[in-house]
Amino acid sequence: MRTIIQTSLITLFAAMISTAAFAQNPIKWSFTAKDVGNCQVDLIFTGILDDGWYTYSQFLESEDGPVATSITFQENPNFKLLDKAKESGEIIKVHDAIFNMNLTKFKHKAILTQRVEVKDPSKPISGYITYMTCNDEMCLPPKDVDFSFKIPALEGCSTNH
C-alpha cells in the first residue's frame, strides 16, 4: 500500500511540474490604438517579457527554427492594412546555437506597430497574435492571444471614407 501511495504522489508531483511549465506565460500582451491622422491608426501590440525569456521577430531567416511572431486579422471591410507591422522594443540579433541560425528576438519588451486605414471607426479591429517564448533552457509551445482594438474617434474622418 505504501508503494502505491508513493508512486501516486510521485506521479501527481510530476504532473504538477509539467502542468506548471505549460501554464507558464512569460509574456503579457497589451493592445492600444493611436490616431495618427488622415483616417489612419497605429495598432500597437506590446509584449512585456519576464526576465530570461525571449520572443521572436516576425522576420526570421528560415522556418527551421523557432516560430516567428505573426499577427492575424479577422477579415473586415472597415479597415485596410498599410505595409507590414514595424518592430521596436529591446531587439537582439544573435546567432543561436540551439537553432543554429541567426535570430532576431525580443528581450524584456516587444512592440509591433501595424498602421491601418480605417473606414468605420465605430467597428473594432480584432484577430490574434501568435508567438513563441524561449529561455536558455527550454521553449514553450507557440501560443495565440486574441486581441480587439477599439478605434478612437478619428477627427475629420467620416465613416464613409
N, C-alpha and C. Protein backbone atom coordinates (compact mmCIF):
# COMPACT_ATOMS: atom_id res chain seq x y z
N MET A 1 0.83 -1.20 0.00
CA MET A 1 0.00 0.00 0.00
C MET A 1 0.87 1.25 0.00
N ARG A 2 1.92 1.22 0.81
CA ARG A 2 2.81 2.38 0.89
C ARG A 2 3.43 2.68 -0.48
N THR A 3 3.83 1.65 -1.23
CA THR A 3 4.44 1.82 -2.55
C THR A 3 3.44 2.46 -3.52
N ILE A 4 2.19 2.05 -3.46
CA ILE A 4 1.16 2.62 -4.33
C ILE A 4 0.96 4.10 -4.03
N ILE A 5 0.94 4.45 -2.76
CA ILE A 5 0.78 5.85 -2.36
C ILE A 5 2.00 6.66 -2.81
N GLN A 6 3.20 6.12 -2.59
CA GLN A 6 4.42 6.83 -3.02
C GLN A 6 4.42 7.04 -4.53
N THR A 7 4.08 5.98 -5.28
CA THR A 7 4.04 6.08 -6.74
C THR A 7 3.00 7.10 -7.17
N SER A 8 1.86 7.09 -6.54
CA SER A 8 0.80 8.05 -6.87
C SER A 8 1.25 9.48 -6.58
N LEU A 9 1.93 9.68 -5.44
CA LEU A 9 2.42 11.02 -5.10
C LEU A 9 3.49 11.48 -6.09
N ILE A 10 4.38 10.61 -6.47
CA ILE A 10 5.42 10.96 -7.45
C ILE A 10 4.78 11.33 -8.78
N THR A 11 3.81 10.54 -9.23
CA THR A 11 3.11 10.81 -10.48
C THR A 11 2.39 12.15 -10.41
N LEU A 12 1.71 12.39 -9.29
CA LEU A 12 1.00 13.66 -9.11
C LEU A 12 1.97 14.83 -9.13
N PHE A 13 3.10 14.70 -8.42
CA PHE A 13 4.11 15.75 -8.38
C PHE A 13 4.65 16.03 -9.79
N ALA A 14 4.96 14.98 -10.55
CA ALA A 14 5.48 15.14 -11.92
C ALA A 14 4.43 15.84 -12.80
N ALA A 15 3.18 15.47 -12.64
CA ALA A 15 2.11 16.11 -13.42
C ALA A 15 1.98 17.58 -13.07
N MET A 16 2.12 17.91 -11.78
CA MET A 16 2.03 19.31 -11.36
C MET A 16 3.18 20.12 -11.95
N ILE A 17 4.39 19.55 -11.98
CA ILE A 17 5.54 20.27 -12.54
C ILE A 17 5.34 20.51 -14.03
N SER A 18 4.93 19.48 -14.78
CA SER A 18 4.77 19.67 -16.22
C SER A 18 3.61 20.61 -16.52
N THR A 19 2.55 20.55 -15.73
CA THR A 19 1.43 21.49 -15.92
C THR A 19 1.88 22.91 -15.64
N ALA A 20 2.68 23.09 -14.60
CA ALA A 20 3.18 24.43 -14.26
C ALA A 20 4.04 24.97 -15.40
N ALA A 21 4.85 24.12 -16.01
CA ALA A 21 5.71 24.57 -17.12
C ALA A 21 4.85 25.03 -18.29
N PHE A 22 3.80 24.27 -18.61
CA PHE A 22 2.97 24.65 -19.76
C PHE A 22 1.97 25.75 -19.42
N ALA A 23 1.68 25.94 -18.14
CA ALA A 23 0.77 27.01 -17.75
C ALA A 23 1.51 28.34 -17.68
N GLN A 24 2.83 28.28 -17.72
CA GLN A 24 3.63 29.50 -17.69
C GLN A 24 3.25 30.40 -18.84
N ASN A 25 3.24 31.67 -18.57
CA ASN A 25 3.05 32.64 -19.64
C ASN A 25 4.03 33.78 -19.38
N PRO A 26 5.26 33.64 -19.90
CA PRO A 26 6.30 34.62 -19.58
C PRO A 26 6.18 35.93 -20.35
N ILE A 27 5.09 36.11 -21.09
CA ILE A 27 4.88 37.38 -21.81
C ILE A 27 3.44 37.83 -21.58
N LYS A 28 3.29 39.11 -21.28
CA LYS A 28 1.96 39.71 -21.09
C LYS A 28 1.75 40.72 -22.21
N TRP A 29 0.68 40.56 -22.97
CA TRP A 29 0.40 41.44 -24.11
C TRP A 29 -0.63 42.50 -23.74
N SER A 30 -0.44 43.69 -24.29
CA SER A 30 -1.45 44.75 -24.20
C SER A 30 -1.60 45.35 -25.59
N PHE A 31 -2.76 45.94 -25.84
CA PHE A 31 -3.10 46.40 -27.19
C PHE A 31 -3.70 47.81 -27.10
N THR A 32 -3.10 48.75 -27.84
CA THR A 32 -3.61 50.12 -27.85
C THR A 32 -3.68 50.63 -29.29
N ALA A 33 -4.60 51.56 -29.52
CA ALA A 33 -4.76 52.17 -30.84
C ALA A 33 -4.48 53.66 -30.72
N LYS A 34 -3.72 54.19 -31.68
CA LYS A 34 -3.34 55.61 -31.65
C LYS A 34 -3.69 56.26 -32.99
N ASP A 35 -4.47 57.32 -32.93
CA ASP A 35 -4.83 58.09 -34.12
C ASP A 35 -3.58 58.80 -34.63
N VAL A 36 -3.24 58.58 -35.91
CA VAL A 36 -2.08 59.26 -36.49
C VAL A 36 -2.50 60.23 -37.59
N GLY A 37 -3.81 60.50 -37.70
CA GLY A 37 -4.32 61.47 -38.67
C GLY A 37 -4.63 60.84 -40.02
N ASN A 38 -5.38 61.58 -40.81
CA ASN A 38 -5.71 61.17 -42.18
C ASN A 38 -6.42 59.82 -42.23
N CYS A 39 -7.31 59.56 -41.26
CA CYS A 39 -8.08 58.31 -41.15
C CYS A 39 -7.18 57.09 -40.96
N GLN A 40 -6.00 57.30 -40.41
CA GLN A 40 -5.08 56.20 -40.15
C GLN A 40 -4.85 56.04 -38.65
N VAL A 41 -4.64 54.78 -38.26
CA VAL A 41 -4.45 54.44 -36.85
C VAL A 41 -3.27 53.48 -36.75
N ASP A 42 -2.45 53.67 -35.72
CA ASP A 42 -1.42 52.69 -35.39
C ASP A 42 -1.99 51.74 -34.35
N LEU A 43 -2.00 50.45 -34.68
CA LEU A 43 -2.38 49.41 -33.73
C LEU A 43 -1.08 48.94 -33.08
N ILE A 44 -0.98 49.09 -31.76
CA ILE A 44 0.28 48.82 -31.06
C ILE A 44 0.11 47.60 -30.16
N PHE A 45 0.91 46.58 -30.45
CA PHE A 45 0.94 45.33 -29.71
C PHE A 45 2.19 45.37 -28.84
N THR A 46 2.03 45.39 -27.53
CA THR A 46 3.18 45.49 -26.62
C THR A 46 3.23 44.24 -25.75
N GLY A 47 4.36 43.54 -25.84
CA GLY A 47 4.58 42.35 -25.02
C GLY A 47 5.67 42.63 -24.01
N ILE A 48 5.37 42.44 -22.73
CA ILE A 48 6.35 42.59 -21.66
C ILE A 48 6.77 41.18 -21.24
N LEU A 49 8.08 40.90 -21.37
CA LEU A 49 8.61 39.56 -21.11
C LEU A 49 9.25 39.47 -19.74
N ASP A 50 9.03 38.34 -19.08
CA ASP A 50 9.72 38.07 -17.82
C ASP A 50 11.22 37.98 -18.08
N ASP A 51 12.02 38.29 -17.06
CA ASP A 51 13.48 38.19 -17.18
C ASP A 51 13.89 36.80 -17.64
N GLY A 52 14.82 36.75 -18.58
CA GLY A 52 15.35 35.48 -19.06
C GLY A 52 14.57 34.86 -20.20
N TRP A 53 13.45 35.47 -20.58
CA TRP A 53 12.62 34.93 -21.66
C TRP A 53 12.72 35.80 -22.90
N TYR A 54 12.49 35.18 -24.06
CA TYR A 54 12.57 35.87 -25.35
C TYR A 54 11.37 35.48 -26.20
N THR A 55 11.00 36.36 -27.11
CA THR A 55 10.05 36.01 -28.16
C THR A 55 10.70 36.47 -29.46
N TYR A 56 10.18 36.03 -30.58
CA TYR A 56 10.90 36.16 -31.84
C TYR A 56 10.26 37.14 -32.81
N SER A 57 11.10 37.69 -33.67
CA SER A 57 10.69 38.63 -34.70
C SER A 57 9.68 37.99 -35.66
N GLN A 58 8.99 38.83 -36.39
CA GLN A 58 8.13 38.37 -37.47
C GLN A 58 8.97 37.93 -38.67
N PHE A 59 10.19 38.41 -38.70
CA PHE A 59 11.05 38.25 -39.87
C PHE A 59 12.27 37.39 -39.52
N LEU A 60 12.14 36.07 -39.67
CA LEU A 60 13.24 35.15 -39.40
C LEU A 60 13.79 34.64 -40.73
N GLU A 61 15.07 34.25 -40.73
CA GLU A 61 15.72 33.86 -41.98
C GLU A 61 15.22 32.52 -42.52
N SER A 62 14.55 31.73 -41.68
CA SER A 62 14.09 30.42 -42.11
C SER A 62 12.98 29.95 -41.19
N GLU A 63 12.21 28.97 -41.65
CA GLU A 63 11.17 28.37 -40.82
C GLU A 63 11.70 27.16 -40.06
N ASP A 64 13.02 26.93 -40.12
CA ASP A 64 13.62 25.76 -39.48
C ASP A 64 13.94 26.00 -38.00
N GLY A 65 13.62 27.16 -37.47
CA GLY A 65 13.93 27.48 -36.08
C GLY A 65 12.66 27.70 -35.28
N PRO A 66 12.69 28.71 -34.42
CA PRO A 66 11.51 28.99 -33.60
C PRO A 66 10.37 29.55 -34.46
N VAL A 67 9.19 29.57 -33.90
CA VAL A 67 8.03 30.12 -34.60
C VAL A 67 8.12 31.64 -34.56
N ALA A 68 8.06 32.25 -35.74
CA ALA A 68 8.07 33.72 -35.83
C ALA A 68 6.76 34.27 -35.27
N THR A 69 6.84 35.44 -34.67
CA THR A 69 5.62 36.12 -34.22
C THR A 69 4.82 36.52 -35.45
N SER A 70 3.51 36.37 -35.39
CA SER A 70 2.67 36.78 -36.51
C SER A 70 1.36 37.35 -35.99
N ILE A 71 0.82 38.26 -36.79
CA ILE A 71 -0.46 38.89 -36.45
C ILE A 71 -1.46 38.47 -37.51
N THR A 72 -2.59 37.94 -37.07
CA THR A 72 -3.66 37.52 -37.98
C THR A 72 -4.89 38.37 -37.67
N PHE A 73 -5.35 39.10 -38.69
CA PHE A 73 -6.52 39.96 -38.52
C PHE A 73 -7.76 39.25 -39.03
N GLN A 74 -8.86 39.43 -38.29
CA GLN A 74 -10.15 38.93 -38.75
C GLN A 74 -10.54 39.78 -39.96
N GLU A 75 -10.93 39.13 -41.05
CA GLU A 75 -11.29 39.89 -42.25
C GLU A 75 -12.43 40.84 -41.93
N ASN A 76 -12.29 42.06 -42.44
CA ASN A 76 -13.24 43.11 -42.10
C ASN A 76 -13.10 44.23 -43.14
N PRO A 77 -14.18 44.62 -43.79
CA PRO A 77 -14.08 45.67 -44.81
C PRO A 77 -13.89 47.07 -44.22
N ASN A 78 -13.89 47.20 -42.89
CA ASN A 78 -13.83 48.52 -42.25
C ASN A 78 -12.40 49.05 -42.06
N PHE A 79 -11.40 48.25 -42.46
CA PHE A 79 -10.03 48.75 -42.35
C PHE A 79 -9.17 48.11 -43.44
N LYS A 80 -8.03 48.75 -43.70
CA LYS A 80 -7.07 48.24 -44.68
C LYS A 80 -5.68 48.33 -44.06
N LEU A 81 -4.92 47.22 -44.13
CA LEU A 81 -3.55 47.21 -43.63
C LEU A 81 -2.68 48.07 -44.54
N LEU A 82 -1.80 48.85 -43.93
CA LEU A 82 -0.84 49.66 -44.68
C LEU A 82 0.56 49.13 -44.37
N ASP A 83 1.18 48.48 -45.31
CA ASP A 83 2.52 47.92 -45.16
C ASP A 83 2.54 46.83 -44.09
N LYS A 84 3.73 46.39 -43.68
CA LYS A 84 3.88 45.35 -42.67
C LYS A 84 4.05 46.00 -41.30
N ALA A 85 3.79 45.23 -40.26
CA ALA A 85 3.98 45.74 -38.89
C ALA A 85 5.46 46.02 -38.65
N LYS A 86 5.73 47.16 -38.03
CA LYS A 86 7.11 47.55 -37.67
C LYS A 86 7.42 47.03 -36.27
N GLU A 87 8.70 46.75 -36.04
CA GLU A 87 9.12 46.21 -34.76
C GLU A 87 10.00 47.19 -34.01
N SER A 88 9.80 47.25 -32.69
CA SER A 88 10.66 48.04 -31.82
C SER A 88 10.65 47.38 -30.45
N GLY A 89 11.29 48.01 -29.50
CA GLY A 89 11.43 47.40 -28.18
C GLY A 89 12.88 47.05 -27.97
N GLU A 90 13.13 46.03 -27.15
CA GLU A 90 14.52 45.61 -26.89
C GLU A 90 14.85 44.44 -27.83
N ILE A 91 15.41 44.79 -28.99
CA ILE A 91 15.68 43.82 -30.05
C ILE A 91 17.14 43.37 -29.98
N ILE A 92 17.31 42.05 -30.09
CA ILE A 92 18.65 41.46 -30.06
C ILE A 92 18.81 40.64 -31.34
N LYS A 93 19.96 40.77 -32.00
CA LYS A 93 20.28 39.94 -33.16
C LYS A 93 21.47 39.07 -32.78
N VAL A 94 21.26 37.74 -32.79
CA VAL A 94 22.30 36.80 -32.34
C VAL A 94 22.31 35.55 -33.21
N HIS A 95 23.43 34.87 -33.17
CA HIS A 95 23.47 33.52 -33.74
C HIS A 95 23.09 32.58 -32.60
N ASP A 96 22.02 31.84 -32.78
CA ASP A 96 21.52 30.95 -31.75
C ASP A 96 22.09 29.54 -31.99
N ALA A 97 22.83 29.03 -31.01
CA ALA A 97 23.47 27.72 -31.15
C ALA A 97 22.44 26.59 -31.16
N ILE A 98 21.37 26.73 -30.40
CA ILE A 98 20.35 25.67 -30.35
C ILE A 98 19.69 25.49 -31.70
N PHE A 99 19.27 26.58 -32.32
CA PHE A 99 18.61 26.50 -33.63
C PHE A 99 19.61 26.57 -34.78
N ASN A 100 20.87 26.87 -34.48
CA ASN A 100 21.95 27.01 -35.46
C ASN A 100 21.54 27.96 -36.59
N MET A 101 21.09 29.14 -36.20
CA MET A 101 20.72 30.15 -37.18
C MET A 101 20.80 31.53 -36.54
N ASN A 102 20.86 32.55 -37.39
CA ASN A 102 20.82 33.93 -36.90
C ASN A 102 19.37 34.25 -36.56
N LEU A 103 19.16 34.83 -35.39
CA LEU A 103 17.80 35.14 -34.93
C LEU A 103 17.69 36.60 -34.51
N THR A 104 16.53 37.15 -34.77
CA THR A 104 16.16 38.44 -34.21
C THR A 104 15.08 38.14 -33.18
N LYS A 105 15.37 38.54 -31.93
CA LYS A 105 14.42 38.25 -30.87
C LYS A 105 14.30 39.45 -29.94
N PHE A 106 13.27 39.41 -29.14
CA PHE A 106 12.97 40.49 -28.19
C PHE A 106 13.28 40.00 -26.78
N LYS A 107 13.88 40.90 -26.00
CA LYS A 107 14.16 40.64 -24.59
C LYS A 107 13.46 41.76 -23.80
N HIS A 108 12.77 41.45 -22.76
CA HIS A 108 12.05 42.39 -21.88
C HIS A 108 10.82 43.03 -22.53
N LYS A 109 10.95 43.59 -23.74
CA LYS A 109 9.82 44.31 -24.34
C LYS A 109 9.80 44.13 -25.86
N ALA A 110 8.64 43.69 -26.36
CA ALA A 110 8.42 43.55 -27.80
C ALA A 110 7.29 44.48 -28.19
N ILE A 111 7.52 45.30 -29.21
CA ILE A 111 6.47 46.20 -29.69
C ILE A 111 6.32 46.00 -31.20
N LEU A 112 5.10 45.68 -31.62
CA LEU A 112 4.77 45.59 -33.03
C LEU A 112 3.75 46.68 -33.31
N THR A 113 3.98 47.46 -34.36
CA THR A 113 3.07 48.56 -34.69
C THR A 113 2.58 48.37 -36.11
N GLN A 114 1.28 48.17 -36.25
CA GLN A 114 0.65 47.98 -37.56
C GLN A 114 -0.21 49.20 -37.89
N ARG A 115 0.14 49.90 -38.96
CA ARG A 115 -0.67 51.04 -39.40
C ARG A 115 -1.82 50.53 -40.27
N VAL A 116 -3.00 51.08 -40.02
CA VAL A 116 -4.19 50.73 -40.80
C VAL A 116 -4.92 52.00 -41.21
N GLU A 117 -5.61 51.90 -42.33
CA GLU A 117 -6.53 52.96 -42.75
C GLU A 117 -7.91 52.49 -42.32
N VAL A 118 -8.62 53.36 -41.61
CA VAL A 118 -9.91 52.99 -41.03
C VAL A 118 -11.04 53.59 -41.85
N LYS A 119 -11.99 52.74 -42.22
CA LYS A 119 -13.16 53.20 -42.97
C LYS A 119 -14.33 53.49 -42.02
N ASP A 120 -14.45 52.71 -40.94
CA ASP A 120 -15.53 52.91 -39.97
C ASP A 120 -14.97 52.75 -38.55
N PRO A 121 -14.66 53.90 -37.90
CA PRO A 121 -14.05 53.84 -36.56
C PRO A 121 -14.96 53.23 -35.49
N SER A 122 -16.25 53.08 -35.77
CA SER A 122 -17.14 52.52 -34.75
C SER A 122 -17.00 50.99 -34.66
N LYS A 123 -16.33 50.38 -35.62
CA LYS A 123 -16.18 48.93 -35.64
C LYS A 123 -14.79 48.54 -35.10
N PRO A 124 -14.74 47.58 -34.18
CA PRO A 124 -13.44 47.17 -33.65
C PRO A 124 -12.63 46.39 -34.69
N ILE A 125 -11.33 46.33 -34.48
CA ILE A 125 -10.44 45.54 -35.32
C ILE A 125 -9.93 44.41 -34.44
N SER A 126 -10.15 43.17 -34.86
CA SER A 126 -9.80 42.05 -34.00
C SER A 126 -9.04 40.96 -34.76
N GLY A 127 -8.52 40.03 -34.00
CA GLY A 127 -7.77 38.91 -34.54
C GLY A 127 -6.98 38.25 -33.43
N TYR A 128 -5.81 37.71 -33.79
CA TYR A 128 -4.96 37.09 -32.77
C TYR A 128 -3.49 37.23 -33.16
N ILE A 129 -2.65 37.23 -32.14
CA ILE A 129 -1.21 37.28 -32.33
C ILE A 129 -0.67 35.90 -31.91
N THR A 130 0.21 35.34 -32.75
CA THR A 130 0.84 34.06 -32.47
C THR A 130 2.30 34.32 -32.14
N TYR A 131 2.78 33.69 -31.09
CA TYR A 131 4.17 33.90 -30.67
C TYR A 131 4.70 32.65 -29.99
N MET A 132 6.01 32.60 -29.84
CA MET A 132 6.67 31.52 -29.13
C MET A 132 7.66 32.15 -28.17
N THR A 133 7.78 31.61 -26.97
CA THR A 133 8.74 32.12 -26.00
C THR A 133 9.74 31.02 -25.63
N CYS A 134 10.98 31.44 -25.42
CA CYS A 134 12.04 30.52 -25.00
C CYS A 134 12.89 31.21 -23.96
N ASN A 135 13.53 30.40 -23.13
CA ASN A 135 14.60 30.91 -22.28
C ASN A 135 15.85 30.12 -22.65
N ASP A 136 16.88 30.16 -21.84
CA ASP A 136 18.12 29.46 -22.20
C ASP A 136 18.04 27.95 -22.01
N GLU A 137 16.94 27.47 -21.43
CA GLU A 137 16.82 26.04 -21.15
C GLU A 137 15.70 25.35 -21.91
N MET A 138 14.65 26.10 -22.28
CA MET A 138 13.51 25.45 -22.92
C MET A 138 12.69 26.46 -23.71
N CYS A 139 11.85 25.91 -24.58
CA CYS A 139 10.88 26.72 -25.31
C CYS A 139 9.49 26.22 -24.95
N LEU A 140 8.56 27.14 -24.87
CA LEU A 140 7.17 26.77 -24.65
C LEU A 140 6.49 26.65 -26.01
N PRO A 141 5.44 25.86 -26.10
CA PRO A 141 4.74 25.72 -27.39
C PRO A 141 4.20 27.09 -27.85
N PRO A 142 4.09 27.27 -29.18
CA PRO A 142 3.51 28.53 -29.68
C PRO A 142 2.12 28.75 -29.08
N LYS A 143 1.78 30.01 -28.94
CA LYS A 143 0.51 30.37 -28.30
C LYS A 143 -0.17 31.47 -29.11
N ASP A 144 -1.49 31.45 -29.13
CA ASP A 144 -2.29 32.51 -29.75
C ASP A 144 -2.97 33.32 -28.66
N VAL A 145 -2.96 34.65 -28.83
CA VAL A 145 -3.67 35.54 -27.91
C VAL A 145 -4.60 36.41 -28.74
N ASP A 146 -5.87 36.39 -28.40
CA ASP A 146 -6.86 37.21 -29.11
C ASP A 146 -6.67 38.69 -28.77
N PHE A 147 -6.97 39.55 -29.74
CA PHE A 147 -6.97 40.99 -29.50
C PHE A 147 -8.19 41.61 -30.15
N SER A 148 -8.58 42.76 -29.62
CA SER A 148 -9.64 43.56 -30.21
C SER A 148 -9.34 45.02 -29.90
N PHE A 149 -9.15 45.80 -30.94
CA PHE A 149 -8.85 47.23 -30.79
C PHE A 149 -10.13 48.03 -30.93
N LYS A 150 -10.41 48.85 -29.93
CA LYS A 150 -11.49 49.82 -30.05
C LYS A 150 -10.85 51.06 -30.65
N ILE A 151 -11.33 51.49 -31.79
CA ILE A 151 -10.73 52.59 -32.52
C ILE A 151 -11.19 53.91 -31.91
N PRO A 152 -10.24 54.82 -31.64
CA PRO A 152 -10.63 56.11 -31.07
C PRO A 152 -11.42 56.92 -32.11
N ALA A 153 -12.18 57.89 -31.64
CA ALA A 153 -12.88 58.79 -32.57
C ALA A 153 -11.81 59.49 -33.42
N LEU A 154 -11.97 59.43 -34.71
CA LEU A 154 -10.98 60.00 -35.61
C LEU A 154 -11.47 61.34 -36.12
N GLU A 155 -10.74 62.37 -35.78
CA GLU A 155 -11.13 63.72 -36.17
C GLU A 155 -11.04 63.90 -37.69
N GLY A 156 -12.08 64.47 -38.27
CA GLY A 156 -12.09 64.76 -39.71
C GLY A 156 -12.16 63.52 -40.58
N CYS A 157 -12.60 62.42 -40.02
CA CYS A 157 -12.67 61.18 -40.78
C CYS A 157 -14.10 60.67 -40.71
N SER A 158 -14.80 60.74 -41.82
CA SER A 158 -16.19 60.30 -41.82
C SER A 158 -16.22 58.78 -41.93
N THR A 159 -17.34 58.19 -41.53
CA THR A 159 -17.48 56.73 -41.60
C THR A 159 -17.65 56.27 -43.04
N ASN A 160 -17.79 57.17 -43.99
CA ASN A 160 -17.92 56.79 -45.38
C ASN A 160 -16.61 56.87 -46.13
N HIS A 161 -15.51 57.07 -45.45
CA HIS A 161 -14.21 57.26 -46.06
C HIS A 161 -13.89 56.18 -47.06
